[in-house]
Amino acid sequence: MMSHPEACQALTRMEARLRETRHNLSELERSLRERAEAEAISSRPKMRRYNRRMSNWTGIAEETYLRILDRLLDNAAMDLERLRRKIERQDAAIETLRRKYRVNAMRPTYSPL
């Protein structure tokens, strides 16, 4: 049985690990989106140069991007699912510890940078 201060310290460590895992998941998703965008841009060379204010991103380029992103997500599906399950387990463990030791402090909110 832990004392209340020990439980608070354990919760702080667990929240930090959860934040790291969520950050890893968001970084993996971001890198996949950036890679898909880079592949879509390189696979469809632009024929015309438009005005600086106009977008060079066309509907076909968007379809290509989404197709490439789907392929990359399928390839990384096991890693993404593993991280999501880990987040669920960590979150459940934190909630269980909070209930058991009656810690009512606000949980930190995660916001990706």
N, C-alpha and C. Protein backbone atom coordinates (compact mmCIF):
# COMPACT_ATOMS: atom_id res chain seq x y z
N MET A 1 0.84 -1.18 0.00
CA MET A 1 0.00 0.00 0.00
C MET A 1 0.89 1.24 0.00
N MET A 2 0.63 2.14 -0.90
CA MET A 2 1.38 3.39 -1.02
C MET A 2 0.76 4.47 -0.14
N SER A 3 1.60 5.38 0.25
CA SER A 3 1.07 6.56 0.92
C SER A 3 0.58 7.54 -0.14
N HIS A 4 -0.16 8.54 0.29
CA HIS A 4 -0.71 9.50 -0.67
C HIS A 4 0.40 10.24 -1.44
N PRO A 5 1.47 10.73 -0.76
CA PRO A 5 2.54 11.39 -1.53
C PRO A 5 3.23 10.45 -2.53
N GLU A 6 3.41 9.18 -2.14
CA GLU A 6 4.01 8.22 -3.07
C GLU A 6 3.10 7.99 -4.28
N ALA A 7 1.80 7.94 -4.04
CA ALA A 7 0.85 7.77 -5.14
C ALA A 7 0.89 8.97 -6.07
N CYS A 8 1.00 10.17 -5.49
CA CYS A 8 1.09 11.37 -6.33
C CYS A 8 2.36 11.38 -7.17
N GLN A 9 3.47 10.93 -6.60
CA GLN A 9 4.72 10.85 -7.36
C GLN A 9 4.60 9.82 -8.48
N ALA A 10 4.00 8.68 -8.16
CA ALA A 10 3.82 7.65 -9.17
C ALA A 10 2.93 8.16 -10.30
N LEU A 11 1.87 8.88 -9.94
CA LEU A 11 0.98 9.44 -10.97
C LEU A 11 1.71 10.44 -11.84
N THR A 12 2.56 11.25 -11.24
CA THR A 12 3.34 12.22 -12.02
C THR A 12 4.23 11.51 -13.04
N ARG A 13 4.89 10.44 -12.60
CA ARG A 13 5.74 9.67 -13.52
C ARG A 13 4.90 9.02 -14.62
N MET A 14 3.76 8.46 -14.23
CA MET A 14 2.89 7.79 -15.20
C MET A 14 2.34 8.78 -16.22
N GLU A 15 1.96 9.97 -15.76
CA GLU A 15 1.46 11.01 -16.69
C GLU A 15 2.56 11.43 -17.65
N ALA A 16 3.81 11.52 -17.16
CA ALA A 16 4.93 11.89 -18.04
C ALA A 16 5.14 10.82 -19.11
N ARG A 17 5.07 9.55 -18.72
CA ARG A 17 5.22 8.46 -19.70
C ARG A 17 4.08 8.47 -20.72
N LEU A 18 2.87 8.74 -20.25
CA LEU A 18 1.73 8.83 -21.16
C LEU A 18 1.90 9.97 -22.15
N ARG A 19 2.39 11.10 -21.66
CA ARG A 19 2.63 12.24 -22.53
C ARG A 19 3.68 11.89 -23.60
N GLU A 20 4.73 11.16 -23.19
CA GLU A 20 5.76 10.74 -24.15
C GLU A 20 5.18 9.80 -25.22
N THR A 21 4.35 8.88 -24.79
CA THR A 21 3.75 7.93 -25.73
C THR A 21 2.83 8.65 -26.70
N ARG A 22 2.02 9.59 -26.20
CA ARG A 22 1.15 10.37 -27.09
C ARG A 22 1.98 11.20 -28.06
N HIS A 23 3.09 11.75 -27.57
CA HIS A 23 3.97 12.54 -28.44
C HIS A 23 4.56 11.65 -29.54
N ASN A 24 4.98 10.43 -29.16
CA ASN A 24 5.53 9.50 -30.16
C ASN A 24 4.50 9.16 -31.22
N LEU A 25 3.26 8.94 -30.81
CA LEU A 25 2.19 8.64 -31.77
C LEU A 25 1.95 9.82 -32.71
N SER A 26 1.88 11.02 -32.15
CA SER A 26 1.62 12.19 -33.01
C SER A 26 2.80 12.45 -33.94
N GLU A 27 4.03 12.19 -33.48
CA GLU A 27 5.20 12.37 -34.35
C GLU A 27 5.20 11.35 -35.48
N LEU A 28 4.82 10.12 -35.19
CA LEU A 28 4.75 9.11 -36.24
C LEU A 28 3.69 9.47 -37.27
N GLU A 29 2.52 9.90 -36.82
CA GLU A 29 1.46 10.31 -37.75
C GLU A 29 1.89 11.52 -38.57
N ARG A 30 2.55 12.49 -37.93
CA ARG A 30 3.01 13.68 -38.64
C ARG A 30 4.05 13.31 -39.70
N SER A 31 4.98 12.43 -39.34
CA SER A 31 6.02 12.06 -40.31
C SER A 31 5.41 11.31 -41.50
N LEU A 32 4.38 10.51 -41.25
CA LEU A 32 3.71 9.82 -42.36
C LEU A 32 3.01 10.81 -43.28
N ARG A 33 2.35 11.82 -42.69
CA ARG A 33 1.69 12.84 -43.52
C ARG A 33 2.71 13.63 -44.33
N GLU A 34 3.83 14.00 -43.71
CA GLU A 34 4.85 14.76 -44.44
C GLU A 34 5.47 13.93 -45.55
N ARG A 35 5.70 12.66 -45.28
CA ARG A 35 6.27 11.78 -46.31
C ARG A 35 5.32 11.61 -47.48
N ALA A 36 4.02 11.45 -47.17
CA ALA A 36 3.02 11.32 -48.23
C ALA A 36 2.95 12.60 -49.06
N GLU A 37 3.03 13.74 -48.41
CA GLU A 37 3.00 15.02 -49.14
C GLU A 37 4.22 15.15 -50.04
N ALA A 38 5.39 14.80 -49.52
CA ALA A 38 6.61 14.90 -50.33
C ALA A 38 6.55 13.95 -51.53
N GLU A 39 6.05 12.73 -51.33
CA GLU A 39 5.93 11.79 -52.44
C GLU A 39 4.91 12.27 -53.46
N ALA A 40 3.81 12.85 -52.98
CA ALA A 40 2.78 13.34 -53.91
C ALA A 40 3.33 14.50 -54.74
N ILE A 41 4.08 15.37 -54.12
CA ILE A 41 4.65 16.51 -54.84
C ILE A 41 5.67 16.04 -55.87
N SER A 42 6.52 15.09 -55.47
CA SER A 42 7.56 14.64 -56.40
C SER A 42 7.00 13.76 -57.52
N SER A 43 5.87 13.09 -57.27
CA SER A 43 5.33 12.19 -58.29
C SER A 43 4.52 12.94 -59.35
N ARG A 44 4.08 14.13 -59.05
CA ARG A 44 3.26 14.89 -60.00
C ARG A 44 3.93 16.23 -60.29
N PRO A 45 4.84 16.25 -61.24
CA PRO A 45 5.48 17.53 -61.56
C PRO A 45 4.48 18.53 -62.12
N LYS A 46 4.66 19.75 -61.79
CA LYS A 46 3.74 20.81 -62.22
C LYS A 46 4.11 21.28 -63.63
N MET A 47 3.10 21.45 -64.45
CA MET A 47 3.31 21.89 -65.82
C MET A 47 3.40 23.41 -65.92
N ARG A 48 2.62 24.08 -65.12
CA ARG A 48 2.58 25.55 -65.21
C ARG A 48 2.96 26.16 -63.88
N ARG A 49 3.49 27.35 -63.93
CA ARG A 49 3.73 28.13 -62.72
C ARG A 49 2.59 29.11 -62.61
N TYR A 50 1.96 29.10 -61.45
CA TYR A 50 0.86 30.02 -61.22
C TYR A 50 1.35 31.24 -60.46
N ASN A 51 0.46 32.16 -60.33
CA ASN A 51 0.72 33.33 -59.53
C ASN A 51 1.13 32.88 -58.13
N ARG A 52 1.93 33.68 -57.46
CA ARG A 52 2.41 33.33 -56.13
C ARG A 52 1.27 33.09 -55.14
N ARG A 53 0.18 33.76 -55.34
CA ARG A 53 -0.94 33.64 -54.41
C ARG A 53 -1.82 32.43 -54.68
N MET A 54 -1.64 31.80 -55.80
CA MET A 54 -2.47 30.65 -56.15
C MET A 54 -1.78 29.37 -55.69
N SER A 55 -2.56 28.41 -55.32
CA SER A 55 -2.04 27.12 -54.88
C SER A 55 -1.70 26.26 -56.09
N ASN A 56 -0.62 25.53 -55.97
CA ASN A 56 -0.25 24.56 -57.01
C ASN A 56 -0.85 23.20 -56.71
N TRP A 57 -1.57 23.07 -55.62
CA TRP A 57 -2.15 21.80 -55.19
C TRP A 57 -3.49 21.63 -55.89
N THR A 58 -3.58 20.64 -56.76
CA THR A 58 -4.80 20.41 -57.54
C THR A 58 -5.60 19.26 -56.94
N GLY A 59 -6.77 19.02 -57.49
CA GLY A 59 -7.59 17.91 -57.02
C GLY A 59 -6.92 16.57 -57.26
N ILE A 60 -6.23 16.45 -58.38
CA ILE A 60 -5.53 15.20 -58.68
C ILE A 60 -4.37 15.00 -57.72
N ALA A 61 -3.69 16.10 -57.38
CA ALA A 61 -2.60 16.02 -56.42
C ALA A 61 -3.13 15.59 -55.05
N GLU A 62 -4.30 16.07 -54.69
CA GLU A 62 -4.93 15.68 -53.42
C GLU A 62 -5.27 14.19 -53.42
N GLU A 63 -5.80 13.70 -54.52
CA GLU A 63 -6.11 12.27 -54.63
C GLU A 63 -4.84 11.44 -54.52
N THR A 64 -3.78 11.87 -55.17
CA THR A 64 -2.50 11.17 -55.11
C THR A 64 -1.98 11.15 -53.68
N TYR A 65 -2.06 12.30 -53.00
CA TYR A 65 -1.63 12.41 -51.61
C TYR A 65 -2.40 11.43 -50.73
N LEU A 66 -3.72 11.39 -50.89
CA LEU A 66 -4.54 10.50 -50.06
C LEU A 66 -4.25 9.03 -50.34
N ARG A 67 -4.00 8.69 -51.60
CA ARG A 67 -3.67 7.32 -51.95
C ARG A 67 -2.33 6.91 -51.33
N ILE A 68 -1.34 7.81 -51.41
CA ILE A 68 -0.02 7.53 -50.83
C ILE A 68 -0.12 7.44 -49.31
N LEU A 69 -0.90 8.35 -48.71
CA LEU A 69 -1.07 8.34 -47.25
C LEU A 69 -1.73 7.05 -46.79
N ASP A 70 -2.73 6.58 -47.52
CA ASP A 70 -3.38 5.30 -47.18
C ASP A 70 -2.38 4.14 -47.23
N ARG A 71 -1.55 4.15 -48.26
CA ARG A 71 -0.54 3.08 -48.38
C ARG A 71 0.45 3.13 -47.21
N LEU A 72 0.90 4.33 -46.85
CA LEU A 72 1.84 4.47 -45.74
C LEU A 72 1.20 4.10 -44.40
N LEU A 73 -0.07 4.47 -44.23
CA LEU A 73 -0.78 4.12 -43.00
C LEU A 73 -0.98 2.61 -42.89
N ASP A 74 -1.25 1.96 -44.03
CA ASP A 74 -1.38 0.50 -44.02
C ASP A 74 -0.06 -0.16 -43.63
N ASN A 75 1.05 0.38 -44.14
CA ASN A 75 2.35 -0.18 -43.82
C ASN A 75 2.71 0.02 -42.35
N ALA A 76 2.29 1.13 -41.76
CA ALA A 76 2.62 1.44 -40.37
C ALA A 76 1.49 1.10 -39.41
N ALA A 77 0.49 0.38 -39.86
CA ALA A 77 -0.69 0.10 -39.05
C ALA A 77 -0.35 -0.62 -37.76
N MET A 78 0.57 -1.56 -37.80
CA MET A 78 0.92 -2.31 -36.59
C MET A 78 1.56 -1.40 -35.55
N ASP A 79 2.46 -0.52 -35.97
CA ASP A 79 3.09 0.41 -35.04
C ASP A 79 2.08 1.40 -34.46
N LEU A 80 1.22 1.91 -35.31
CA LEU A 80 0.20 2.85 -34.84
C LEU A 80 -0.75 2.18 -33.84
N GLU A 81 -1.17 0.98 -34.15
CA GLU A 81 -2.09 0.26 -33.25
C GLU A 81 -1.40 -0.08 -31.94
N ARG A 82 -0.14 -0.47 -32.01
CA ARG A 82 0.61 -0.77 -30.79
C ARG A 82 0.69 0.45 -29.87
N LEU A 83 0.98 1.62 -30.45
CA LEU A 83 1.05 2.85 -29.65
C LEU A 83 -0.32 3.23 -29.09
N ARG A 84 -1.38 3.03 -29.87
CA ARG A 84 -2.72 3.37 -29.39
C ARG A 84 -3.14 2.45 -28.23
N ARG A 85 -2.81 1.17 -28.34
CA ARG A 85 -3.13 0.24 -27.24
C ARG A 85 -2.32 0.59 -26.00
N LYS A 86 -1.07 0.98 -26.18
CA LYS A 86 -0.23 1.37 -25.05
C LYS A 86 -0.81 2.60 -24.35
N ILE A 87 -1.29 3.55 -25.13
CA ILE A 87 -1.92 4.75 -24.56
C ILE A 87 -3.15 4.37 -23.76
N GLU A 88 -3.97 3.47 -24.30
CA GLU A 88 -5.17 3.02 -23.59
C GLU A 88 -4.81 2.34 -22.27
N ARG A 89 -3.79 1.48 -22.28
CA ARG A 89 -3.37 0.79 -21.06
C ARG A 89 -2.84 1.78 -20.02
N GLN A 90 -2.01 2.73 -20.48
CA GLN A 90 -1.47 3.71 -19.56
C GLN A 90 -2.57 4.57 -18.97
N ASP A 91 -3.51 4.97 -19.79
CA ASP A 91 -4.62 5.80 -19.32
C ASP A 91 -5.47 5.04 -18.30
N ALA A 92 -5.73 3.77 -18.57
CA ALA A 92 -6.52 2.96 -17.63
C ALA A 92 -5.78 2.78 -16.31
N ALA A 93 -4.46 2.57 -16.36
CA ALA A 93 -3.68 2.40 -15.13
C ALA A 93 -3.68 3.68 -14.31
N ILE A 94 -3.60 4.83 -14.97
CA ILE A 94 -3.63 6.11 -14.27
C ILE A 94 -4.98 6.30 -13.59
N GLU A 95 -6.05 6.02 -14.31
CA GLU A 95 -7.39 6.17 -13.73
C GLU A 95 -7.60 5.23 -12.54
N THR A 96 -7.10 4.01 -12.66
CA THR A 96 -7.23 3.05 -11.56
C THR A 96 -6.49 3.54 -10.33
N LEU A 97 -5.27 4.02 -10.53
CA LEU A 97 -4.49 4.53 -9.39
C LEU A 97 -5.15 5.76 -8.78
N ARG A 98 -5.70 6.63 -9.60
CA ARG A 98 -6.40 7.81 -9.09
C ARG A 98 -7.61 7.42 -8.24
N ARG A 99 -8.37 6.44 -8.72
CA ARG A 99 -9.54 5.99 -7.95
C ARG A 99 -9.13 5.32 -6.65
N LYS A 100 -8.10 4.46 -6.73
CA LYS A 100 -7.69 3.69 -5.56
C LYS A 100 -7.18 4.60 -4.44
N TYR A 101 -6.40 5.62 -4.80
CA TYR A 101 -5.82 6.50 -3.78
C TYR A 101 -6.56 7.83 -3.67
N ARG A 102 -7.68 7.93 -4.35
CA ARG A 102 -8.55 9.11 -4.28
C ARG A 102 -7.79 10.41 -4.53
N VAL A 103 -7.10 10.44 -5.65
CA VAL A 103 -6.38 11.65 -6.05
C VAL A 103 -7.33 12.45 -6.94
N ASN A 104 -7.69 13.64 -6.49
CA ASN A 104 -8.67 14.45 -7.21
C ASN A 104 -8.04 15.57 -8.02
N ALA A 105 -6.73 15.64 -8.06
CA ALA A 105 -6.06 16.71 -8.80
C ALA A 105 -6.41 16.60 -10.28
N MET A 106 -6.45 17.75 -10.93
CA MET A 106 -6.76 17.78 -12.36
C MET A 106 -5.69 17.03 -13.14
N ARG A 107 -6.13 16.28 -14.14
CA ARG A 107 -5.18 15.61 -15.02
C ARG A 107 -4.66 16.61 -16.03
N PRO A 108 -3.37 16.53 -16.35
CA PRO A 108 -2.85 17.44 -17.37
C PRO A 108 -3.44 17.11 -18.72
N THR A 109 -3.70 18.13 -19.51
CA THR A 109 -4.24 17.92 -20.85
C THR A 109 -3.07 17.82 -21.83
N TYR A 110 -3.21 16.94 -22.78
CA TYR A 110 -2.16 16.76 -23.78
C TYR A 110 -2.47 17.62 -24.98
N SER A 111 -1.50 18.39 -25.39
CA SER A 111 -1.65 19.17 -26.62
C SER A 111 -0.35 19.03 -27.41
N PRO A 112 -0.41 18.43 -28.58
CA PRO A 112 0.81 18.26 -29.37
C PRO A 112 1.36 19.62 -29.78
N LEU A 113 2.67 19.69 -29.78
CA LEU A 113 3.33 20.96 -30.11
C LEU A 113 3.31 21.27 -31.56
